[in-house]
Amino acid sequence: MAVNTQRMSPSIEGARVRRLALPRYLRLDGGRFLLGLVFILCLMSLIVLVQTGSVATKGYAISALEEQKVALTRERSLFQERVARAQSLERIRRRAEQLGLRPITKDQVRYVDLEETGDRGQEIGARAPSTAPPEEP
């Protein structure tokens, strides 16, 4: 076997020394192991704390939305009650009387019969108004 008697370049020699020294840095003695363990526990605690804060914030938001929903439901019920009161026949009759309207009498009733012509392009003609009510079949 041939042996290389020439010295290696300094950069290659330094790389070899660093490569051989790397496991020494990665070895965990008691202090480094404890420090790593404390770091991991702190990181996990921070994650739990952030999640708890996020859940609490969202809980407050949900609570506020539920209160808003209850308020809107009450308001909707009030509006439905007002609409029902406004649509009552008694209220409509009173409002019509306030405006000066009165019920129609039989002598004011006039019926108009319209008959169509055969061609759709022509106007619809009307007969003279009659005062008699239409005949029922």
Protein backbone atom coordinates (compact mmCIF):
# COMPACT_ATOMS: atom_id res chain seq x y z
CA MET A 1 0.00 0.00 0.00
CA ALA A 2 1.23 3.42 -0.88
CA VAL A 3 1.65 5.97 1.84
CA ASN A 4 1.31 9.64 1.11
CA THR A 5 4.18 11.39 2.71
CA GLN A 6 3.25 14.87 1.60
CA ARG A 7 1.57 17.17 4.06
CA MET A 8 -2.03 18.05 3.32
CA SER A 9 -2.95 21.64 2.70
CA PRO A 10 -3.78 23.61 5.88
CA SER A 11 -7.44 24.13 4.93
CA ILE A 12 -8.01 20.40 4.41
CA GLU A 13 -6.22 19.60 7.65
CA GLY A 14 -8.39 22.15 9.52
CA ALA A 15 -11.57 20.68 8.04
CA ARG A 16 -10.50 17.22 9.14
CA VAL A 17 -9.88 18.43 12.71
CA ARG A 18 -13.22 20.25 12.84
CA ARG A 19 -15.04 17.18 11.51
CA LEU A 20 -13.47 15.00 14.15
CA ALA A 21 -14.29 17.55 16.90
CA LEU A 22 -18.00 17.87 15.93
CA PRO A 23 -19.31 14.96 18.06
CA ARG A 24 -17.69 16.60 21.08
CA TYR A 25 -19.96 19.65 20.60
CA LEU A 26 -23.04 17.51 20.13
CA ARG A 27 -22.45 15.44 23.22
CA LEU A 28 -24.83 16.45 25.98
CA ASP A 29 -23.43 16.45 29.42
CA GLY A 30 -25.65 17.07 32.47
CA GLY A 31 -25.74 20.90 32.23
CA ARG A 32 -26.50 21.02 28.49
CA PHE A 33 -29.17 18.34 28.83
CA LEU A 34 -30.85 20.25 31.64
CA LEU A 35 -30.64 23.51 29.69
CA GLY A 36 -32.24 21.86 26.61
CA LEU A 37 -34.96 20.34 28.74
CA VAL A 38 -35.76 23.70 30.36
CA PHE A 39 -35.87 25.35 26.92
CA ILE A 40 -38.31 22.74 25.58
CA LEU A 41 -40.53 23.07 28.66
CA CYS A 42 -40.57 26.86 28.33
CA LEU A 43 -41.49 26.57 24.67
CA MET A 44 -44.33 24.15 25.45
CA SER A 45 -45.60 26.43 28.25
CA LEU A 46 -45.56 29.40 25.89
CA ILE A 47 -47.57 27.47 23.31
CA VAL A 48 -50.18 26.49 25.93
CA LEU A 49 -50.36 30.08 27.17
CA VAL A 50 -50.92 31.44 23.66
CA GLN A 51 -53.64 28.86 22.98
CA THR A 52 -55.39 29.63 26.26
CA GLY A 53 -55.35 33.35 25.50
CA SER A 54 -56.72 32.72 22.04
CA VAL A 55 -59.54 30.54 23.37
CA ALA A 56 -60.43 33.12 26.03
CA THR A 57 -60.52 35.93 23.46
CA LYS A 58 -62.76 33.91 21.15
CA GLY A 59 -64.99 33.02 24.11
CA TYR A 60 -65.52 36.71 24.88
CA ALA A 61 -66.30 37.35 21.21
CA ILE A 62 -68.84 34.51 21.16
CA SER A 63 -70.44 35.83 24.34
CA ALA A 64 -70.77 39.32 22.85
CA LEU A 65 -72.31 37.89 19.67
CA GLU A 66 -74.83 35.86 21.69
CA GLU A 67 -75.85 38.99 23.59
CA GLN A 68 -76.24 40.84 20.30
CA LYS A 69 -78.35 37.97 18.95
CA VAL A 70 -80.67 38.15 21.98
CA ALA A 71 -81.02 41.92 21.59
CA LEU A 72 -81.79 41.61 17.88
CA THR A 73 -84.34 38.86 18.55
CA ARG A 74 -86.12 41.12 21.06
CA GLU A 75 -86.07 44.00 18.59
CA ARG A 76 -87.47 41.75 15.85
CA SER A 77 -90.31 40.67 18.16
CA LEU A 78 -91.13 44.31 18.90
CA PHE A 79 -91.20 45.13 15.20
CA GLN A 80 -93.43 42.14 14.46
CA GLU A 81 -95.82 43.31 17.19
CA ARG A 82 -95.87 46.83 15.76
CA VAL A 83 -96.56 45.49 12.26
CA ALA A 84 -99.39 43.30 13.57
CA ARG A 85 -100.95 46.27 15.37
CA ALA A 86 -100.57 48.50 12.30
CA GLN A 87 -102.25 45.89 10.09
CA SER A 88 -105.28 45.36 12.33
CA LEU A 89 -108.58 46.19 10.65
CA GLU A 90 -109.72 48.40 13.51
CA ARG A 91 -106.59 50.54 13.27
CA ILE A 92 -106.94 50.81 9.48
CA ARG A 93 -110.61 51.86 9.86
CA ARG A 94 -109.71 54.53 12.45
CA ARG A 95 -106.88 55.86 10.28
CA ALA A 96 -109.19 56.04 7.27
CA GLU A 97 -111.71 58.03 9.32
CA GLN A 98 -108.94 60.40 10.45
CA LEU A 99 -108.09 60.99 6.80
CA GLY A 100 -111.72 61.79 6.04
CA LEU A 101 -112.52 58.56 4.22
CA ARG A 102 -115.85 56.90 4.76
CA PRO A 103 -117.40 53.57 3.71
CA ILE A 104 -118.92 53.34 0.27
CA THR A 105 -122.71 53.37 -0.09
CA LYS A 106 -124.71 51.20 -2.47
CA ASP A 107 -125.69 54.14 -4.68
CA GLN A 108 -121.99 54.95 -5.25
CA VAL A 109 -121.21 51.48 -6.66
CA ARG A 110 -120.72 51.39 -10.43
CA TYR A 111 -119.70 48.34 -12.42
CA VAL A 112 -117.92 48.55 -15.74
CA ASP A 113 -117.88 45.63 -18.16
CA LEU A 114 -114.99 45.50 -20.58
CA GLU A 115 -115.07 43.36 -23.65
CA GLU A 116 -112.08 42.56 -25.75
CA THR A 117 -112.03 42.95 -29.49
CA GLY A 118 -110.93 40.07 -31.69
CA ASP A 119 -107.64 41.65 -32.76
CA ARG A 120 -105.03 42.06 -30.04
CA GLY A 121 -103.58 45.17 -31.67
CA GLN A 122 -106.79 47.18 -31.13
CA GLU A 123 -107.79 48.88 -27.92
CA ILE A 124 -110.12 47.26 -25.45
CA GLY A 125 -113.52 48.92 -25.66
CA ALA A 126 -115.83 49.63 -22.76
CA ARG A 127 -119.58 49.65 -22.59
CA ALA A 128 -121.51 52.27 -20.74
CA PRO A 129 -121.29 51.84 -16.98
CA SER A 130 -124.24 50.16 -15.35
CA THR A 131 -125.51 50.81 -11.86
CA ALA A 132 -126.80 47.26 -11.30
CA PRO A 133 -124.50 44.73 -9.67
CA PRO A 134 -123.26 41.93 -11.93
CA GLU A 135 -125.34 38.81 -12.12
CA GLU A 136 -124.04 35.84 -10.29
CA PRO A 137 -124.14 32.47 -12.05
